[in-house]
Protein backbone atom coordinates (compact mmCIF):
# COMPACT_ATOMS: atom_id res chain seq x y z
CA UNK A 1 -11.68 -7.32 8.41
CA UNK A 2 -13.20 -10.03 10.35
CA UNK A 3 -16.48 -7.61 10.54
CA UNK A 4 -16.44 -7.32 7.15
CA UNK A 5 -16.51 -3.32 7.49
CA UNK A 6 -13.86 -0.94 6.05
CA UNK A 7 -13.68 2.93 6.78
CA UNK A 8 -15.43 4.57 3.94
CA UNK A 9 -12.24 6.57 2.82
CA UNK A 10 -10.30 3.28 2.77
CA UNK A 11 -12.95 1.70 0.85
CA UNK A 12 -13.15 4.40 -1.62
CA UNK A 13 -9.18 4.28 -2.18
CA UNK A 14 -9.39 0.71 -2.71
CA UNK A 15 -12.56 1.01 -5.37
CA UNK A 16 -10.38 3.66 -7.08
CA UNK A 17 -7.32 1.36 -7.16
CA UNK A 18 -9.30 -1.38 -8.52
CA UNK A 19 -10.57 0.85 -11.14
CA UNK A 20 -7.31 2.10 -12.06
CA UNK A 21 -6.17 -1.63 -12.59
CA UNK A 22 -9.03 -2.13 -14.85
CA UNK A 23 -8.16 0.67 -17.09
CA UNK A 24 -4.69 -0.56 -17.04
CA UNK A 25 -3.66 2.86 -14.98
CA UNK A 26 -0.72 1.13 -13.11
CA UNK A 27 1.44 3.80 -12.47
CA UNK A 28 -1.57 5.79 -10.79
CA UNK A 29 -2.96 2.70 -9.33
CA UNK A 30 0.49 2.33 -7.85
CA UNK A 31 0.36 5.87 -6.31
CA UNK A 32 -2.86 5.05 -4.80
CA UNK A 33 -1.34 1.89 -3.17
CA UNK A 34 1.27 4.34 -1.84
CA UNK A 35 -0.99 6.40 -0.26
CA UNK A 36 -3.01 3.63 1.21
CA UNK A 37 0.06 1.90 2.78
CA UNK A 38 1.75 5.19 3.89
CA UNK A 39 -0.54 7.87 3.54
CA UNK A 40 0.54 11.32 2.85
CA UNK A 41 3.42 11.56 4.82
CA UNK A 42 5.92 13.61 2.68
CA UNK A 43 9.17 12.68 4.68
CA UNK A 44 10.41 9.40 6.15
CA UNK A 45 10.91 11.07 9.65
CA UNK A 46 7.44 12.11 9.45
CA UNK A 47 6.71 8.50 9.77
CA UNK A 48 5.75 7.17 12.87
CA UNK A 49 7.72 3.88 12.55
CA UNK A 50 10.89 2.74 14.16
CA UNK A 51 13.76 0.76 11.40
CA UNK A 52 16.10 -1.57 12.97
CA UNK A 53 18.52 -3.27 10.53
CA UNK A 54 20.45 -6.21 12.41
CA UNK A 55 23.99 -7.10 10.83
CA UNK A 56 23.71 -10.67 12.35
CA UNK A 57 20.53 -11.53 10.65
CA UNK A 58 21.14 -9.25 7.58
CA UNK A 59 17.31 -8.38 8.35
CA UNK A 60 15.28 -5.23 8.59
CA UNK A 61 12.45 -4.83 10.91
CA UNK A 62 10.10 -2.16 11.01
CA UNK A 63 7.77 -1.39 13.89
CA UNK A 64 4.70 1.31 14.14
CA UNK A 65 5.53 3.41 17.12
CA UNK A 66 2.38 2.57 19.83
CA UNK A 67 2.41 6.37 21.00
CA UNK A 68 1.79 7.69 17.20
CA UNK A 69 -1.77 6.33 17.20
CA UNK A 70 -3.12 3.71 14.93
CA UNK A 71 -2.98 3.51 11.23
CA UNK A 72 -6.25 3.06 9.38
CA UNK A 73 -4.72 -0.19 8.03
CA UNK A 74 -4.14 -1.33 11.57
CA UNK A 75 -7.92 -0.33 12.46
CA UNK A 76 -9.37 -2.38 9.58
CA UNK A 77 -6.92 -5.10 10.29
CA UNK A 78 -5.42 -4.99 6.76
CA UNK A 79 -1.66 -4.61 7.49
CA UNK A 80 -0.98 -8.07 6.81
CA UNK A 81 -3.26 -8.46 3.81
CA UNK A 82 -1.31 -5.10 2.00
CA UNK A 83 1.37 -7.08 -0.02
CA UNK A 84 -1.55 -8.86 -2.11
CA UNK A 85 -2.85 -5.44 -3.04
CA UNK A 86 0.75 -4.81 -4.28
CA UNK A 87 1.04 -7.95 -5.76
CA UNK A 88 -2.29 -7.79 -7.61
CA UNK A 89 -1.11 -4.26 -9.62
CA UNK A 90 1.83 -6.47 -10.43
CA UNK A 91 0.37 -9.46 -11.77
CA UNK A 92 -2.36 -7.38 -13.72
CA UNK A 93 0.46 -5.35 -15.25
CA UNK A 94 2.55 -8.53 -16.37
CA UNK A 95 -0.76 -10.17 -17.74
CA UNK A 96 -2.05 -7.13 -19.56
CA UNK A 97 0.26 -4.16 -19.86
CA UNK A 98 -0.45 -0.82 -21.11
CA UNK A 99 0.53 0.27 -24.33
CA UNK A 100 1.84 3.57 -23.18
CA UNK A 101 4.90 2.89 -21.24
CA UNK A 102 4.51 5.79 -19.01
CA UNK A 103 1.10 4.31 -17.50
CA UNK A 104 3.24 1.26 -16.51
CA UNK A 105 5.12 0.64 -13.22
CA UNK A 106 8.86 -0.28 -13.01
């Protein structure tokens, strides 16, 4: 992110996501967001993460396992910014919902 360069595949997905938001296709935008964040993994067990739940803190920690290779979001330096993308979809839908309920999220 600091070098202002993104992998072409990630940039294409972000472009498609923004186009969906502009067209009020929030369900498709959410699907693209999910694809960006977790990729095409089908099962939770396929995701190279470790999840720890602490009863004392009532908190959950999710860690990317280092031996699984890096995630494209980590390579691009976007992992910490990904929540902004989800918020963008939510705010856009709240301000300008699609008249067709099936094209809105949640």
